[in-house]
Amino acid sequence: MVVFICRMARASDAQRAKRLNRARSLLRQRRHLALAVQQLAKSCSISQRQAYRYLERAQQLQGPVPVSAPKVAFTVKLSRILVHRLRRYAARARLTLSESVSRALMAMLDRGRRRG
């Protein structure tokens, strides 16, 4: 007997944000929950169970979730000391390494824009 296991990829941050915003929109239209579950599942190509979970989370939102731009991985080489400091900073700030580096780079690039 051959068994095929199909694993679905996890949703990206942008997909999650779009789904939460769609769920929030359906709830604000005062849709019946069962109808909202069906509509969200169909429009996002997800299971009804997943749709229900998005709707549950959307009920707690104060406003729309910002949709972030897709991220691209790239490799850089840093000194061991700098990586150690970065990891310590990220842990203290409760951020991922990626978010820590992104914020630092944005601050540096924004500062450079103000000159001239």
Protein backbone atom coordinates (compact mmCIF):
# COMPACT_ATOMS: atom_id res chain seq x y z
CA MET A 1 0.00 0.00 0.00
CA VAL A 2 1.34 3.44 -0.96
CA VAL A 3 0.36 6.47 1.10
CA PHE A 4 0.82 9.97 -0.23
CA ILE A 5 1.18 12.75 2.27
CA CYS A 6 0.38 16.19 0.96
CA ARG A 7 1.69 18.98 3.13
CA MET A 8 0.48 22.47 2.51
CA ALA A 9 2.98 25.28 2.80
CA ARG A 10 2.39 27.69 5.63
CA ALA A 11 0.85 31.01 4.71
CA SER A 12 3.24 33.92 4.36
CA ASP A 13 2.89 36.99 6.58
CA ALA A 14 1.32 38.85 3.67
CA GLN A 15 -1.20 36.03 3.05
CA ARG A 16 -2.12 35.94 6.75
CA ALA A 17 -2.62 39.70 6.83
CA LYS A 18 -4.81 39.62 3.71
CA ARG A 19 -6.90 36.76 5.11
CA LEU A 20 -7.33 38.49 8.46
CA ASN A 21 -8.38 41.70 6.72
CA ARG A 22 -10.85 39.76 4.55
CA ALA A 23 -12.23 38.04 7.67
CA ARG A 24 -12.53 41.41 9.43
CA SER A 25 -14.38 42.81 6.43
CA LEU A 26 -16.85 39.90 6.43
CA LEU A 27 -17.48 40.36 10.15
CA ARG A 28 -18.02 44.12 9.73
CA GLN A 29 -20.64 43.36 7.07
CA ARG A 30 -22.51 41.60 9.88
CA ARG A 31 -22.46 38.31 8.02
CA HIS A 32 -23.74 35.25 9.82
CA LEU A 33 -20.68 33.36 11.07
CA ALA A 34 -21.43 30.18 9.10
CA LEU A 35 -21.82 32.19 5.88
CA ALA A 36 -18.63 34.16 6.62
CA VAL A 37 -16.74 30.89 7.16
CA GLN A 38 -17.94 29.55 3.80
CA GLN A 39 -17.13 32.77 1.94
CA LEU A 40 -13.66 33.12 3.49
CA ALA A 41 -12.82 29.47 2.84
CA LYS A 42 -13.86 29.76 -0.78
CA SER A 43 -12.25 33.12 -1.52
CA CYS A 44 -8.93 32.17 0.12
CA SER A 45 -8.87 28.50 -0.93
CA ILE A 46 -8.56 27.31 2.67
CA SER A 47 -10.46 24.82 4.78
CA GLN A 48 -13.52 25.87 6.74
CA ARG A 49 -11.63 25.11 9.95
CA GLN A 50 -8.86 27.54 8.93
CA ALA A 51 -11.44 30.12 7.89
CA TYR A 52 -13.12 29.88 11.29
CA ARG A 53 -9.76 30.43 13.02
CA TYR A 54 -9.09 33.54 10.92
CA LEU A 55 -12.55 34.86 11.79
CA GLU A 56 -11.93 34.22 15.49
CA ARG A 57 -8.68 36.21 15.31
CA ALA A 58 -10.31 38.95 13.25
CA GLN A 59 -12.90 39.52 15.99
CA GLN A 60 -10.07 40.71 18.26
CA LEU A 61 -8.61 43.20 15.78
CA GLN A 62 -8.94 46.92 16.45
CA GLY A 63 -8.20 47.79 12.83
CA PRO A 64 -6.89 46.36 9.57
CA VAL A 65 -3.61 44.44 9.62
CA PRO A 66 -0.88 46.06 7.51
CA VAL A 67 0.15 43.87 4.59
CA SER A 68 3.93 43.66 4.41
CA ALA A 69 5.92 43.35 1.23
CA PRO A 70 7.23 39.86 0.46
CA LYS A 71 10.69 39.18 1.84
CA VAL A 72 13.71 37.83 0.01
CA ALA A 73 16.56 35.95 1.65
CA PHE A 74 20.15 36.97 1.00
CA THR A 75 23.44 36.06 2.60
CA VAL A 76 25.85 38.42 4.33
CA LYS A 77 29.01 37.69 6.25
CA LEU A 78 29.39 39.37 9.62
CA SER A 79 31.94 39.03 12.36
CA ARG A 80 31.18 36.51 15.07
CA ILE A 81 31.11 39.31 17.66
CA LEU A 82 28.58 41.33 15.66
CA VAL A 83 26.32 38.29 15.20
CA HIS A 84 26.51 37.60 18.94
CA ARG A 85 25.57 41.21 19.73
CA LEU A 86 22.75 41.09 17.19
CA ARG A 87 21.32 37.92 18.71
CA ARG A 88 21.48 39.43 22.22
CA TYR A 89 19.78 42.60 21.03
CA ALA A 90 17.05 40.69 19.19
CA ALA A 91 16.37 38.51 22.24
CA ARG A 92 16.13 41.54 24.56
CA ALA A 93 13.88 43.39 22.13
CA ARG A 94 11.81 40.24 21.48
CA LEU A 95 12.39 40.54 17.74
CA THR A 96 13.56 38.11 15.13
CA LEU A 97 17.04 38.57 13.71
CA SER A 98 15.46 39.52 10.41
CA GLU A 99 13.27 42.19 11.99
CA SER A 100 16.22 43.59 13.98
CA VAL A 101 18.40 43.89 10.88
CA SER A 102 15.52 45.30 8.80
CA ARG A 103 14.86 48.03 11.36
CA ALA A 104 18.53 48.94 11.61
CA LEU A 105 18.92 49.11 7.84
CA MET A 106 15.76 51.19 7.40
CA ALA A 107 16.96 53.63 10.07
CA MET A 108 20.34 53.91 8.37
CA LEU A 109 18.85 54.33 4.89
CA ASP A 110 16.28 56.90 6.09
CA ARG A 111 19.01 58.88 7.82
CA GLY A 112 21.04 58.92 4.61
CA ARG A 113 18.06 60.27 2.66
CA ARG A 114 17.80 63.38 4.82
CA ARG A 115 21.27 64.56 3.83
CA GLY A 116 21.52 66.66 0.75
